[in-house]
N, C-alpha and C. Protein backbone atom coordinates (compact mmCIF):
# COMPACT_ATOMS: atom_id res chain seq x y z
N UNK A 1 -16.49 -2.04 -42.67
CA UNK A 1 -17.90 -1.68 -42.69
C UNK A 1 -18.08 -0.32 -43.35
N UNK A 2 -19.03 -0.24 -44.23
CA UNK A 2 -19.30 1.01 -44.92
C UNK A 2 -20.40 1.74 -44.16
N UNK A 3 -20.09 2.98 -43.80
CA UNK A 3 -21.06 3.80 -43.08
C UNK A 3 -21.73 4.77 -44.04
N UNK A 4 -23.00 4.94 -43.86
CA UNK A 4 -23.71 5.93 -44.66
C UNK A 4 -23.34 7.31 -44.17
N UNK A 5 -23.03 8.20 -45.08
CA UNK A 5 -22.58 9.55 -44.72
C UNK A 5 -23.58 10.58 -45.22
N UNK A 6 -23.62 11.69 -44.54
CA UNK A 6 -24.52 12.79 -44.90
C UNK A 6 -23.67 14.03 -45.15
N UNK A 7 -23.97 14.71 -46.26
CA UNK A 7 -23.22 15.93 -46.57
C UNK A 7 -23.80 17.08 -45.76
N UNK A 8 -22.91 17.76 -45.04
CA UNK A 8 -23.32 18.88 -44.19
C UNK A 8 -22.50 20.10 -44.56
N UNK A 9 -23.18 21.21 -44.74
CA UNK A 9 -22.50 22.48 -45.02
C UNK A 9 -22.37 23.25 -43.71
N UNK A 10 -21.16 23.67 -43.41
CA UNK A 10 -20.91 24.42 -42.17
C UNK A 10 -20.39 25.79 -42.55
N UNK A 11 -21.09 26.81 -42.14
CA UNK A 11 -20.69 28.19 -42.41
C UNK A 11 -20.45 28.90 -41.08
N UNK A 12 -19.50 29.80 -41.06
CA UNK A 12 -19.22 30.55 -39.84
C UNK A 12 -18.14 31.59 -40.07
N UNK A 13 -17.84 32.38 -39.04
CA UNK A 13 -16.79 33.40 -39.15
C UNK A 13 -15.43 32.78 -39.47
N UNK A 14 -14.67 33.44 -40.31
CA UNK A 14 -13.37 32.90 -40.72
C UNK A 14 -12.41 32.76 -39.55
N UNK A 15 -12.53 33.68 -38.55
CA UNK A 15 -11.60 33.62 -37.41
C UNK A 15 -11.86 32.39 -36.54
N UNK A 16 -13.02 31.73 -36.72
CA UNK A 16 -13.33 30.52 -35.94
C UNK A 16 -12.96 29.25 -36.70
N UNK A 17 -12.35 29.38 -37.88
CA UNK A 17 -12.10 28.22 -38.73
C UNK A 17 -11.19 27.20 -38.06
N UNK A 18 -10.07 27.65 -37.50
CA UNK A 18 -9.10 26.72 -36.91
C UNK A 18 -9.72 25.91 -35.77
N UNK A 19 -10.44 26.58 -34.87
CA UNK A 19 -11.06 25.88 -33.75
C UNK A 19 -12.16 24.93 -34.24
N UNK A 20 -12.90 25.35 -35.26
CA UNK A 20 -13.95 24.48 -35.81
C UNK A 20 -13.35 23.23 -36.43
N UNK A 21 -12.26 23.39 -37.19
CA UNK A 21 -11.59 22.24 -37.80
C UNK A 21 -11.08 21.28 -36.72
N UNK A 22 -10.55 21.82 -35.65
CA UNK A 22 -10.02 20.96 -34.58
C UNK A 22 -11.15 20.12 -33.96
N UNK A 23 -12.28 20.77 -33.72
CA UNK A 23 -13.40 20.05 -33.11
C UNK A 23 -13.92 18.97 -34.06
N UNK A 24 -14.03 19.29 -35.35
CA UNK A 24 -14.54 18.31 -36.31
C UNK A 24 -13.58 17.12 -36.44
N UNK A 25 -12.29 17.42 -36.44
CA UNK A 25 -11.32 16.33 -36.56
C UNK A 25 -11.35 15.42 -35.33
N UNK A 26 -11.68 15.97 -34.16
CA UNK A 26 -11.76 15.16 -32.95
C UNK A 26 -12.93 14.18 -33.02
N UNK A 27 -13.94 14.49 -33.83
CA UNK A 27 -15.09 13.58 -33.95
C UNK A 27 -14.64 12.23 -34.49
N UNK A 28 -13.72 12.25 -35.46
CA UNK A 28 -13.11 11.02 -35.94
C UNK A 28 -13.82 10.35 -37.10
N UNK A 29 -15.07 10.64 -37.35
CA UNK A 29 -15.81 10.01 -38.45
C UNK A 29 -16.28 11.03 -39.45
N UNK A 30 -15.51 12.10 -39.59
CA UNK A 30 -15.88 13.19 -40.49
C UNK A 30 -14.86 13.29 -41.60
N UNK A 31 -15.34 13.39 -42.80
CA UNK A 31 -14.48 13.61 -43.96
C UNK A 31 -14.66 15.05 -44.39
N UNK A 32 -13.59 15.82 -44.24
CA UNK A 32 -13.68 17.25 -44.50
C UNK A 32 -13.33 17.56 -45.94
N UNK A 33 -14.16 18.35 -46.58
CA UNK A 33 -13.92 18.81 -47.95
C UNK A 33 -14.20 20.30 -47.98
N UNK A 34 -13.21 21.05 -48.40
CA UNK A 34 -13.38 22.50 -48.48
C UNK A 34 -14.18 22.83 -49.73
N UNK A 35 -15.27 23.56 -49.61
CA UNK A 35 -16.09 23.87 -50.79
C UNK A 35 -15.38 24.86 -51.70
N UNK A 36 -15.69 24.79 -52.95
CA UNK A 36 -15.15 25.73 -53.93
C UNK A 36 -16.11 26.90 -54.09
N UNK A 37 -15.56 28.01 -54.54
CA UNK A 37 -16.38 29.20 -54.74
C UNK A 37 -17.46 28.94 -55.78
N UNK A 38 -17.16 28.04 -56.74
CA UNK A 38 -18.12 27.77 -57.81
C UNK A 38 -19.23 26.84 -57.38
N UNK A 39 -19.23 26.42 -56.12
CA UNK A 39 -20.27 25.48 -55.68
C UNK A 39 -21.64 26.10 -55.90
N UNK A 40 -22.59 25.33 -56.46
CA UNK A 40 -23.93 25.89 -56.73
C UNK A 40 -24.70 26.25 -55.47
N UNK A 41 -24.28 25.68 -54.33
CA UNK A 41 -25.00 25.97 -53.10
C UNK A 41 -24.45 27.18 -52.36
N UNK A 42 -23.32 27.69 -52.82
CA UNK A 42 -22.71 28.84 -52.16
C UNK A 42 -22.61 29.99 -53.15
N UNK A 43 -23.02 31.13 -52.73
CA UNK A 43 -22.90 32.32 -53.56
C UNK A 43 -22.66 33.52 -52.65
N UNK A 44 -21.80 34.44 -53.08
CA UNK A 44 -21.53 35.61 -52.25
C UNK A 44 -22.81 36.39 -51.96
N UNK A 45 -22.87 36.93 -50.74
CA UNK A 45 -24.04 37.72 -50.33
C UNK A 45 -23.61 39.17 -50.20
N UNK A 46 -24.35 40.05 -50.82
CA UNK A 46 -24.09 41.50 -50.71
C UNK A 46 -25.10 42.10 -49.76
N UNK A 47 -24.62 42.85 -48.79
CA UNK A 47 -25.50 43.49 -47.83
C UNK A 47 -26.08 44.77 -48.41
N UNK A 48 -27.29 45.05 -48.02
CA UNK A 48 -27.90 46.32 -48.41
C UNK A 48 -27.30 47.44 -47.58
N UNK A 49 -27.61 48.67 -47.93
CA UNK A 49 -27.09 49.82 -47.18
C UNK A 49 -27.55 49.77 -45.73
N UNK A 50 -28.80 49.37 -45.50
CA UNK A 50 -29.32 49.28 -44.13
C UNK A 50 -28.59 48.18 -43.37
N UNK A 51 -28.37 47.04 -44.01
CA UNK A 51 -27.66 45.94 -43.36
C UNK A 51 -26.21 46.30 -43.06
N UNK A 52 -25.57 47.06 -43.95
CA UNK A 52 -24.19 47.51 -43.71
C UNK A 52 -24.14 48.39 -42.46
N UNK A 53 -25.12 49.30 -42.33
CA UNK A 53 -25.14 50.17 -41.15
C UNK A 53 -25.38 49.35 -39.89
N UNK A 54 -26.28 48.39 -39.98
CA UNK A 54 -26.54 47.55 -38.81
C UNK A 54 -25.31 46.72 -38.44
N UNK A 55 -24.61 46.22 -39.44
CA UNK A 55 -23.40 45.44 -39.17
C UNK A 55 -22.34 46.29 -38.50
N UNK A 56 -22.16 47.53 -38.98
CA UNK A 56 -21.18 48.43 -38.36
C UNK A 56 -21.57 48.75 -36.92
N UNK A 57 -22.88 48.96 -36.70
CA UNK A 57 -23.34 49.27 -35.35
C UNK A 57 -23.11 48.09 -34.41
N UNK A 58 -23.35 46.88 -34.90
CA UNK A 58 -23.14 45.69 -34.07
C UNK A 58 -21.66 45.49 -33.77
N UNK A 59 -20.81 45.69 -34.78
CA UNK A 59 -19.37 45.55 -34.54
C UNK A 59 -18.89 46.59 -33.52
N UNK A 60 -19.43 47.81 -33.62
CA UNK A 60 -19.05 48.85 -32.66
C UNK A 60 -19.51 48.48 -31.25
N UNK A 61 -20.74 47.93 -31.15
CA UNK A 61 -21.26 47.53 -29.84
C UNK A 61 -20.43 46.40 -29.24
N UNK A 62 -20.03 45.45 -30.08
CA UNK A 62 -19.19 44.36 -29.61
C UNK A 62 -17.84 44.90 -29.13
N UNK A 63 -17.29 45.86 -29.89
CA UNK A 63 -16.03 46.46 -29.47
C UNK A 63 -16.16 47.19 -28.14
N UNK A 64 -17.28 47.92 -27.96
CA UNK A 64 -17.51 48.60 -26.67
C UNK A 64 -17.63 47.58 -25.55
N UNK A 65 -18.35 46.50 -25.79
CA UNK A 65 -18.50 45.46 -24.77
C UNK A 65 -17.16 44.84 -24.41
N UNK A 66 -16.31 44.62 -25.41
CA UNK A 66 -14.99 44.04 -25.14
C UNK A 66 -14.14 44.99 -24.30
N UNK A 67 -14.21 46.31 -24.62
CA UNK A 67 -13.42 47.28 -23.86
C UNK A 67 -13.90 47.37 -22.42
N UNK A 68 -15.22 47.37 -22.22
CA UNK A 68 -15.75 47.43 -20.85
C UNK A 68 -15.35 46.18 -20.08
N UNK A 69 -15.46 45.02 -20.72
CA UNK A 69 -15.10 43.76 -20.06
C UNK A 69 -13.61 43.74 -19.71
N UNK A 70 -12.78 44.27 -20.60
CA UNK A 70 -11.34 44.30 -20.34
C UNK A 70 -11.01 45.19 -19.16
N UNK A 71 -11.73 46.31 -19.03
CA UNK A 71 -11.46 47.24 -17.93
C UNK A 71 -11.98 46.68 -16.61
N UNK A 72 -13.23 46.20 -16.62
CA UNK A 72 -13.85 45.74 -15.38
C UNK A 72 -13.35 44.37 -14.95
N UNK A 73 -12.96 43.52 -15.89
CA UNK A 73 -12.44 42.19 -15.60
C UNK A 73 -13.33 41.42 -14.62
N UNK A 74 -14.53 41.06 -15.03
CA UNK A 74 -15.41 40.33 -14.11
C UNK A 74 -14.80 39.01 -13.69
N UNK A 75 -15.03 38.64 -12.42
CA UNK A 75 -14.44 37.41 -11.88
C UNK A 75 -15.02 36.17 -12.54
N UNK A 76 -16.32 36.18 -12.83
CA UNK A 76 -16.98 35.04 -13.43
C UNK A 76 -17.22 35.29 -14.91
N UNK A 77 -17.15 34.25 -15.73
CA UNK A 77 -17.43 34.43 -17.16
C UNK A 77 -18.86 34.90 -17.38
N UNK A 78 -19.02 35.74 -18.39
CA UNK A 78 -20.34 36.28 -18.70
C UNK A 78 -21.14 35.22 -19.44
N UNK A 79 -22.31 34.81 -18.91
CA UNK A 79 -23.08 33.75 -19.58
C UNK A 79 -23.69 34.26 -20.88
N UNK A 80 -23.82 33.36 -21.83
CA UNK A 80 -24.47 33.71 -23.09
C UNK A 80 -25.97 33.79 -22.89
N UNK A 81 -26.65 34.68 -23.60
CA UNK A 81 -28.11 34.80 -23.44
C UNK A 81 -28.79 33.51 -23.90
N UNK A 82 -29.82 33.11 -23.16
CA UNK A 82 -30.54 31.88 -23.50
C UNK A 82 -31.69 32.15 -24.46
N UNK A 83 -32.19 33.41 -24.48
CA UNK A 83 -33.29 33.72 -25.36
C UNK A 83 -32.77 34.29 -26.67
N UNK A 84 -33.57 34.21 -27.68
CA UNK A 84 -33.22 34.77 -28.99
C UNK A 84 -33.48 36.27 -28.96
N UNK A 85 -32.47 37.05 -29.30
CA UNK A 85 -32.60 38.50 -29.26
C UNK A 85 -33.18 39.01 -30.57
N UNK A 86 -34.12 39.91 -30.45
CA UNK A 86 -34.69 40.54 -31.63
C UNK A 86 -33.84 41.74 -32.02
N UNK A 87 -34.15 42.33 -33.16
CA UNK A 87 -33.42 43.52 -33.60
C UNK A 87 -33.62 44.66 -32.61
N UNK A 88 -34.80 44.77 -32.04
CA UNK A 88 -35.05 45.80 -31.04
C UNK A 88 -34.21 45.56 -29.79
N UNK A 89 -34.07 44.28 -29.39
CA UNK A 89 -33.22 43.95 -28.24
C UNK A 89 -31.78 44.35 -28.50
N UNK A 90 -31.28 44.02 -29.69
CA UNK A 90 -29.90 44.35 -30.02
C UNK A 90 -29.68 45.86 -30.01
N UNK A 91 -30.65 46.62 -30.54
CA UNK A 91 -30.52 48.08 -30.55
C UNK A 91 -30.50 48.62 -29.12
N UNK A 92 -31.35 48.05 -28.24
CA UNK A 92 -31.39 48.49 -26.85
C UNK A 92 -30.07 48.20 -26.15
N UNK A 93 -29.52 47.01 -26.34
CA UNK A 93 -28.26 46.65 -25.72
C UNK A 93 -27.11 47.48 -26.28
N UNK A 94 -27.15 47.78 -27.58
CA UNK A 94 -26.09 48.59 -28.18
C UNK A 94 -26.05 49.97 -27.54
N UNK A 95 -27.23 50.59 -27.36
CA UNK A 95 -27.28 51.91 -26.72
C UNK A 95 -26.81 51.83 -25.27
N UNK A 96 -27.19 50.79 -24.59
CA UNK A 96 -26.81 50.62 -23.18
C UNK A 96 -25.31 50.44 -23.03
N UNK A 97 -24.72 49.64 -23.90
CA UNK A 97 -23.28 49.38 -23.78
C UNK A 97 -22.47 50.62 -24.11
N UNK A 98 -22.98 51.48 -25.03
CA UNK A 98 -22.28 52.73 -25.33
C UNK A 98 -22.26 53.63 -24.10
N UNK A 99 -23.43 53.74 -23.43
CA UNK A 99 -23.48 54.56 -22.22
C UNK A 99 -22.58 53.99 -21.12
N UNK A 100 -22.57 52.67 -21.00
CA UNK A 100 -21.74 52.04 -19.98
C UNK A 100 -20.26 52.25 -20.27
N UNK A 101 -19.88 52.11 -21.55
CA UNK A 101 -18.47 52.31 -21.91
C UNK A 101 -18.02 53.74 -21.59
N UNK A 102 -18.86 54.74 -21.91
CA UNK A 102 -18.50 56.12 -21.62
C UNK A 102 -18.38 56.37 -20.13
N UNK A 103 -19.30 55.77 -19.36
CA UNK A 103 -19.24 55.94 -17.91
C UNK A 103 -18.00 55.29 -17.33
N UNK A 104 -17.68 54.09 -17.80
CA UNK A 104 -16.49 53.40 -17.31
C UNK A 104 -15.24 54.19 -17.66
N UNK A 105 -15.18 54.77 -18.86
CA UNK A 105 -14.01 55.55 -19.25
C UNK A 105 -13.86 56.79 -18.38
N UNK A 106 -15.00 57.42 -18.02
CA UNK A 106 -14.92 58.59 -17.12
C UNK A 106 -14.40 58.18 -15.75
N UNK A 107 -14.89 57.04 -15.25
CA UNK A 107 -14.43 56.57 -13.93
C UNK A 107 -12.94 56.25 -13.98
N UNK A 108 -12.50 55.60 -15.05
CA UNK A 108 -11.08 55.25 -15.18
C UNK A 108 -10.22 56.50 -15.27
N UNK A 109 -10.68 57.51 -16.03
CA UNK A 109 -9.92 58.75 -16.15
C UNK A 109 -9.82 59.45 -14.79
N UNK A 110 -10.93 59.44 -14.04
CA UNK A 110 -10.91 60.05 -12.70
C UNK A 110 -9.96 59.29 -11.78
N UNK A 111 -10.01 57.95 -11.86
CA UNK A 111 -9.11 57.13 -11.04
C UNK A 111 -7.65 57.42 -11.37
N UNK A 112 -7.33 57.49 -12.67
CA UNK A 112 -5.95 57.76 -13.08
C UNK A 112 -5.50 59.13 -12.60
N UNK A 113 -6.42 60.12 -12.63
CA UNK A 113 -6.07 61.44 -12.13
C UNK A 113 -5.75 61.42 -10.64
N UNK A 114 -6.55 60.67 -9.87
CA UNK A 114 -6.29 60.56 -8.43
C UNK A 114 -4.96 59.86 -8.16
N UNK A 115 -4.66 58.84 -8.96
CA UNK A 115 -3.38 58.13 -8.79
C UNK A 115 -2.22 59.08 -9.05
N UNK A 116 -2.34 59.93 -10.08
CA UNK A 116 -1.28 60.89 -10.38
C UNK A 116 -1.13 61.90 -9.24
N UNK A 117 -2.26 62.36 -8.69
CA UNK A 117 -2.19 63.32 -7.59
C UNK A 117 -1.53 62.70 -6.37
N UNK A 118 -1.89 61.45 -6.08
CA UNK A 118 -1.29 60.77 -4.92
C UNK A 118 0.22 60.61 -5.13
N UNK A 119 0.61 60.23 -6.34
CA UNK A 119 2.04 60.07 -6.63
C UNK A 119 2.78 61.39 -6.45
N UNK A 120 2.16 62.48 -6.90
CA UNK A 120 2.79 63.79 -6.77
C UNK A 120 2.90 64.20 -5.31
N UNK A 121 1.85 63.95 -4.53
CA UNK A 121 1.89 64.29 -3.10
C UNK A 121 2.96 63.48 -2.38
N UNK A 122 3.06 62.20 -2.71
CA UNK A 122 4.09 61.37 -2.08
C UNK A 122 5.49 61.83 -2.47
N UNK A 123 5.63 62.26 -3.74
CA UNK A 123 6.94 62.71 -4.21
C UNK A 123 7.43 63.93 -3.44
N UNK A 124 6.48 64.85 -3.12
CA UNK A 124 6.88 66.10 -2.46
C UNK A 124 6.45 66.14 -0.98
N UNK A 125 6.16 64.95 -0.42
CA UNK A 125 5.70 64.92 0.97
C UNK A 125 6.73 65.53 1.93
N UNK A 126 8.00 65.16 1.75
CA UNK A 126 9.04 65.70 2.63
C UNK A 126 9.15 67.22 2.49
N UNK A 127 9.01 67.69 1.25
CA UNK A 127 9.11 69.13 1.02
C UNK A 127 7.95 69.86 1.70
N UNK A 128 6.72 69.32 1.57
CA UNK A 128 5.57 69.96 2.21
C UNK A 128 5.73 69.95 3.73
N UNK A 129 6.24 68.86 4.27
CA UNK A 129 6.43 68.78 5.72
C UNK A 129 7.45 69.82 6.18
N UNK A 130 8.49 70.03 5.37
CA UNK A 130 9.51 71.01 5.73
C UNK A 130 8.94 72.42 5.72
N UNK A 131 8.15 72.74 4.68
CA UNK A 131 7.52 74.06 4.64
C UNK A 131 6.57 74.25 5.83
N UNK A 132 5.87 73.20 6.18
CA UNK A 132 4.96 73.29 7.32
C UNK A 132 5.72 73.62 8.60
N UNK A 133 6.85 72.96 8.79
CA UNK A 133 7.64 73.23 10.00
C UNK A 133 8.21 74.65 9.97
N UNK A 134 8.60 75.13 8.79
CA UNK A 134 9.13 76.49 8.68
C UNK A 134 8.04 77.52 9.00
N UNK A 135 6.82 77.27 8.55
CA UNK A 135 5.72 78.18 8.86
C UNK A 135 5.42 78.17 10.36
N UNK A 136 5.52 77.00 10.97
CA UNK A 136 5.28 76.93 12.42
C UNK A 136 6.34 77.73 13.17
N UNK A 137 7.58 77.71 12.67
CA UNK A 137 8.64 78.50 13.31
C UNK A 137 8.36 79.99 13.19
N UNK A 138 7.75 80.39 12.05
CA UNK A 138 7.49 81.82 11.83
C UNK A 138 6.38 82.34 12.75
N UNK A 139 5.45 81.47 13.07
CA UNK A 139 4.32 81.92 13.87
C UNK A 139 3.23 82.51 12.99
N UNK A 140 2.34 83.27 13.58
CA UNK A 140 1.18 83.83 12.88
C UNK A 140 1.64 84.83 11.81
N UNK A 141 0.95 84.84 10.69
CA UNK A 141 1.28 85.74 9.59
C UNK A 141 0.65 87.10 9.82
N UNK A 142 1.45 88.15 9.73
CA UNK A 142 0.93 89.51 9.87
C UNK A 142 0.24 89.92 8.57
N UNK A 143 -0.87 90.65 8.64
CA UNK A 143 -1.62 91.00 7.43
C UNK A 143 -0.85 91.91 6.49
N UNK A 144 0.15 92.65 7.02
CA UNK A 144 0.87 93.59 6.16
C UNK A 144 2.14 92.99 5.58
N UNK A 145 2.27 91.68 5.63
CA UNK A 145 3.46 91.02 5.09
C UNK A 145 3.06 90.01 4.03
N UNK A 146 3.99 89.76 3.08
CA UNK A 146 3.81 88.77 2.02
C UNK A 146 4.81 87.65 2.22
N UNK A 147 4.37 86.42 1.97
CA UNK A 147 5.21 85.25 2.22
C UNK A 147 5.42 84.48 0.91
N UNK A 148 6.64 83.95 0.72
CA UNK A 148 7.00 83.18 -0.48
C UNK A 148 7.67 81.88 -0.05
N UNK A 149 7.39 80.82 -0.80
CA UNK A 149 8.05 79.53 -0.59
C UNK A 149 8.94 79.24 -1.79
N UNK A 150 10.19 78.92 -1.54
CA UNK A 150 11.16 78.67 -2.60
C UNK A 150 11.86 77.34 -2.36
N UNK A 151 12.36 76.78 -3.44
CA UNK A 151 13.25 75.61 -3.35
C UNK A 151 14.54 75.97 -4.07
N UNK A 152 15.62 76.00 -3.33
CA UNK A 152 16.93 76.32 -3.88
C UNK A 152 17.66 75.01 -4.13
N UNK A 153 18.03 74.75 -5.40
CA UNK A 153 18.65 73.48 -5.74
C UNK A 153 19.97 73.25 -5.02
N UNK A 154 20.73 74.33 -4.85
CA UNK A 154 22.03 74.22 -4.16
C UNK A 154 21.81 74.56 -2.69
N UNK A 155 21.92 73.57 -1.82
CA UNK A 155 21.61 73.77 -0.40
C UNK A 155 22.83 74.16 0.43
N UNK A 156 23.96 74.42 -0.21
CA UNK A 156 25.15 74.78 0.57
C UNK A 156 24.92 76.08 1.33
N UNK A 157 25.47 76.16 2.53
CA UNK A 157 25.25 77.32 3.40
C UNK A 157 25.70 78.62 2.72
N UNK A 158 26.82 78.55 2.01
CA UNK A 158 27.33 79.76 1.36
C UNK A 158 26.34 80.28 0.32
N UNK A 159 25.68 79.35 -0.41
CA UNK A 159 24.71 79.76 -1.44
C UNK A 159 23.47 80.36 -0.79
N UNK A 160 22.99 79.73 0.30
CA UNK A 160 21.81 80.25 1.00
C UNK A 160 22.13 81.62 1.60
N UNK A 161 23.30 81.76 2.20
CA UNK A 161 23.68 83.06 2.78
C UNK A 161 23.79 84.14 1.70
N UNK A 162 24.29 83.77 0.53
CA UNK A 162 24.40 84.75 -0.56
C UNK A 162 23.01 85.22 -1.01
N UNK A 163 22.05 84.25 -1.07
CA UNK A 163 20.68 84.63 -1.42
C UNK A 163 20.09 85.56 -0.38
N UNK A 164 20.33 85.25 0.89
CA UNK A 164 19.80 86.10 1.96
C UNK A 164 20.37 87.51 1.86
N UNK A 165 21.68 87.62 1.59
CA UNK A 165 22.31 88.94 1.47
C UNK A 165 21.73 89.71 0.30
N UNK A 166 21.55 89.04 -0.84
CA UNK A 166 21.02 89.72 -2.03
C UNK A 166 19.59 90.21 -1.79
N UNK A 167 18.76 89.40 -1.16
CA UNK A 167 17.38 89.80 -0.92
C UNK A 167 17.28 90.87 0.15
N UNK A 168 18.20 90.84 1.11
CA UNK A 168 18.17 91.88 2.13
C UNK A 168 18.53 93.24 1.55
N UNK A 169 19.36 93.25 0.51
CA UNK A 169 19.68 94.51 -0.17
C UNK A 169 18.44 95.11 -0.82
N UNK A 170 17.48 94.24 -1.17
CA UNK A 170 16.24 94.72 -1.79
C UNK A 170 15.20 95.07 -0.74
N UNK A 171 15.00 94.17 0.24
CA UNK A 171 13.92 94.33 1.21
C UNK A 171 14.35 94.98 2.51
N UNK A 172 15.65 95.10 2.72
CA UNK A 172 16.14 95.72 3.95
C UNK A 172 15.95 94.82 5.15
N UNK A 173 15.88 95.42 6.31
CA UNK A 173 15.79 94.66 7.55
C UNK A 173 14.43 94.00 7.73
N UNK A 174 13.49 94.34 6.88
CA UNK A 174 12.16 93.73 6.99
C UNK A 174 12.11 92.30 6.46
N UNK A 175 13.21 91.83 5.89
CA UNK A 175 13.25 90.47 5.35
C UNK A 175 13.38 89.43 6.46
N UNK A 176 12.52 88.42 6.42
CA UNK A 176 12.65 87.25 7.28
C UNK A 176 12.84 86.03 6.37
N UNK A 177 13.86 85.25 6.64
CA UNK A 177 14.16 84.11 5.78
C UNK A 177 14.57 82.92 6.63
N UNK A 178 13.90 81.80 6.41
CA UNK A 178 14.23 80.56 7.11
C UNK A 178 14.41 79.47 6.07
N UNK A 179 15.33 78.57 6.32
CA UNK A 179 15.62 77.51 5.35
C UNK A 179 15.91 76.20 6.07
N UNK A 180 15.63 75.10 5.36
CA UNK A 180 15.96 73.76 5.83
C UNK A 180 16.34 72.91 4.64
N UNK A 181 17.34 72.05 4.80
CA UNK A 181 17.72 71.18 3.68
C UNK A 181 16.65 70.12 3.41
N UNK A 182 16.43 69.85 2.14
CA UNK A 182 15.54 68.76 1.70
C UNK A 182 16.28 67.96 0.63
N UNK A 183 15.65 66.87 0.18
CA UNK A 183 16.33 66.00 -0.78
C UNK A 183 16.62 66.70 -2.10
N UNK A 184 15.78 67.69 -2.47
CA UNK A 184 15.97 68.38 -3.74
C UNK A 184 16.75 69.67 -3.61
N UNK A 185 17.26 70.00 -2.41
CA UNK A 185 18.02 71.23 -2.23
C UNK A 185 17.75 71.83 -0.88
N UNK A 186 17.27 73.08 -0.88
CA UNK A 186 16.95 73.77 0.36
C UNK A 186 15.56 74.38 0.23
N UNK A 187 14.69 74.11 1.22
CA UNK A 187 13.36 74.73 1.26
C UNK A 187 13.50 76.04 2.00
N UNK A 188 12.96 77.11 1.41
CA UNK A 188 13.14 78.46 1.97
C UNK A 188 11.78 79.13 2.07
N UNK A 189 11.51 79.75 3.21
CA UNK A 189 10.32 80.56 3.41
C UNK A 189 10.77 82.00 3.64
N UNK A 190 10.25 82.90 2.79
CA UNK A 190 10.58 84.33 2.88
C UNK A 190 9.35 85.10 3.32
N UNK A 191 9.56 86.09 4.14
CA UNK A 191 8.49 86.99 4.54
C UNK A 191 9.03 88.42 4.44
N UNK A 192 8.30 89.25 3.71
CA UNK A 192 8.73 90.64 3.53
C UNK A 192 7.52 91.55 3.72
N UNK A 193 7.75 92.82 4.01
CA UNK A 193 6.63 93.75 4.05
C UNK A 193 5.92 93.78 2.69
N UNK A 194 4.61 93.86 2.73
CA UNK A 194 3.84 93.84 1.48
C UNK A 194 4.29 94.96 0.55
N UNK A 195 4.72 96.05 1.08
CA UNK A 195 5.16 97.17 0.24
C UNK A 195 6.40 96.81 -0.58
N UNK A 196 7.15 95.79 -0.13
CA UNK A 196 8.36 95.39 -0.84
C UNK A 196 8.13 94.16 -1.72
N UNK A 197 6.90 93.66 -1.81
CA UNK A 197 6.63 92.43 -2.55
C UNK A 197 7.00 92.57 -4.02
N UNK A 198 6.65 93.70 -4.63
CA UNK A 198 6.97 93.89 -6.04
C UNK A 198 8.46 93.86 -6.30
N UNK A 199 9.24 94.47 -5.44
CA UNK A 199 10.69 94.49 -5.61
C UNK A 199 11.28 93.11 -5.44
N UNK A 200 10.76 92.34 -4.48
CA UNK A 200 11.25 90.97 -4.26
C UNK A 200 10.94 90.10 -5.48
N UNK A 201 9.73 90.21 -6.00
CA UNK A 201 9.36 89.39 -7.17
C UNK A 201 10.19 89.75 -8.39
N UNK A 202 10.54 91.04 -8.53
CA UNK A 202 11.43 91.45 -9.62
C UNK A 202 12.82 90.83 -9.42
N UNK A 203 13.26 90.79 -8.19
CA UNK A 203 14.57 90.21 -7.89
C UNK A 203 14.58 88.71 -8.22
N UNK A 204 13.45 88.02 -7.99
CA UNK A 204 13.38 86.61 -8.33
C UNK A 204 13.60 86.38 -9.82
N UNK A 205 13.08 87.25 -10.64
CA UNK A 205 13.20 87.05 -12.09
C UNK A 205 14.63 87.26 -12.57
N UNK A 206 15.40 87.97 -11.82
CA UNK A 206 16.79 88.21 -12.19
C UNK A 206 17.68 87.06 -11.74
């Protein structure tokens, strides 16, 4: 049986070509012919300067929308608009999506900063707890004394005792030093008379 056929021209984005061909081939009664550039019904279209700017703005808006969607990952698919959008509508949505993208990026940056802070606190949690216990052992801080927190990588008793001896030569009997082993070495709390703070800090640099 001979069927009457109708010639149909189908135009669309090149990136949709493969999916379009698959759908047309599934129809089963379509004879596909790729048009030639010399076809009288097809001719290249050159955009004006205004149209080029609008095209760039639309591509940028689509990119912003894709980035926001990728970050937010909505649970349900976003429905396509049922009404025809005017140029004014597109401009309004483009401005809105730019503001939304910037806001989402600020929220994400803030979230990432909080995650980094939490990771850092967890990493040094044992060290902070050790310093807290050392301060509790010291009792109330006198106003005329200066306090320093140190981490000595080598926690061996001989090394800690050598540090205590060296600092006592600088600060004299006014030096108070307490230490506890931690995973990264030895946590040390020093307390010296404020008048000796400069000398102690100079000793640290040596």
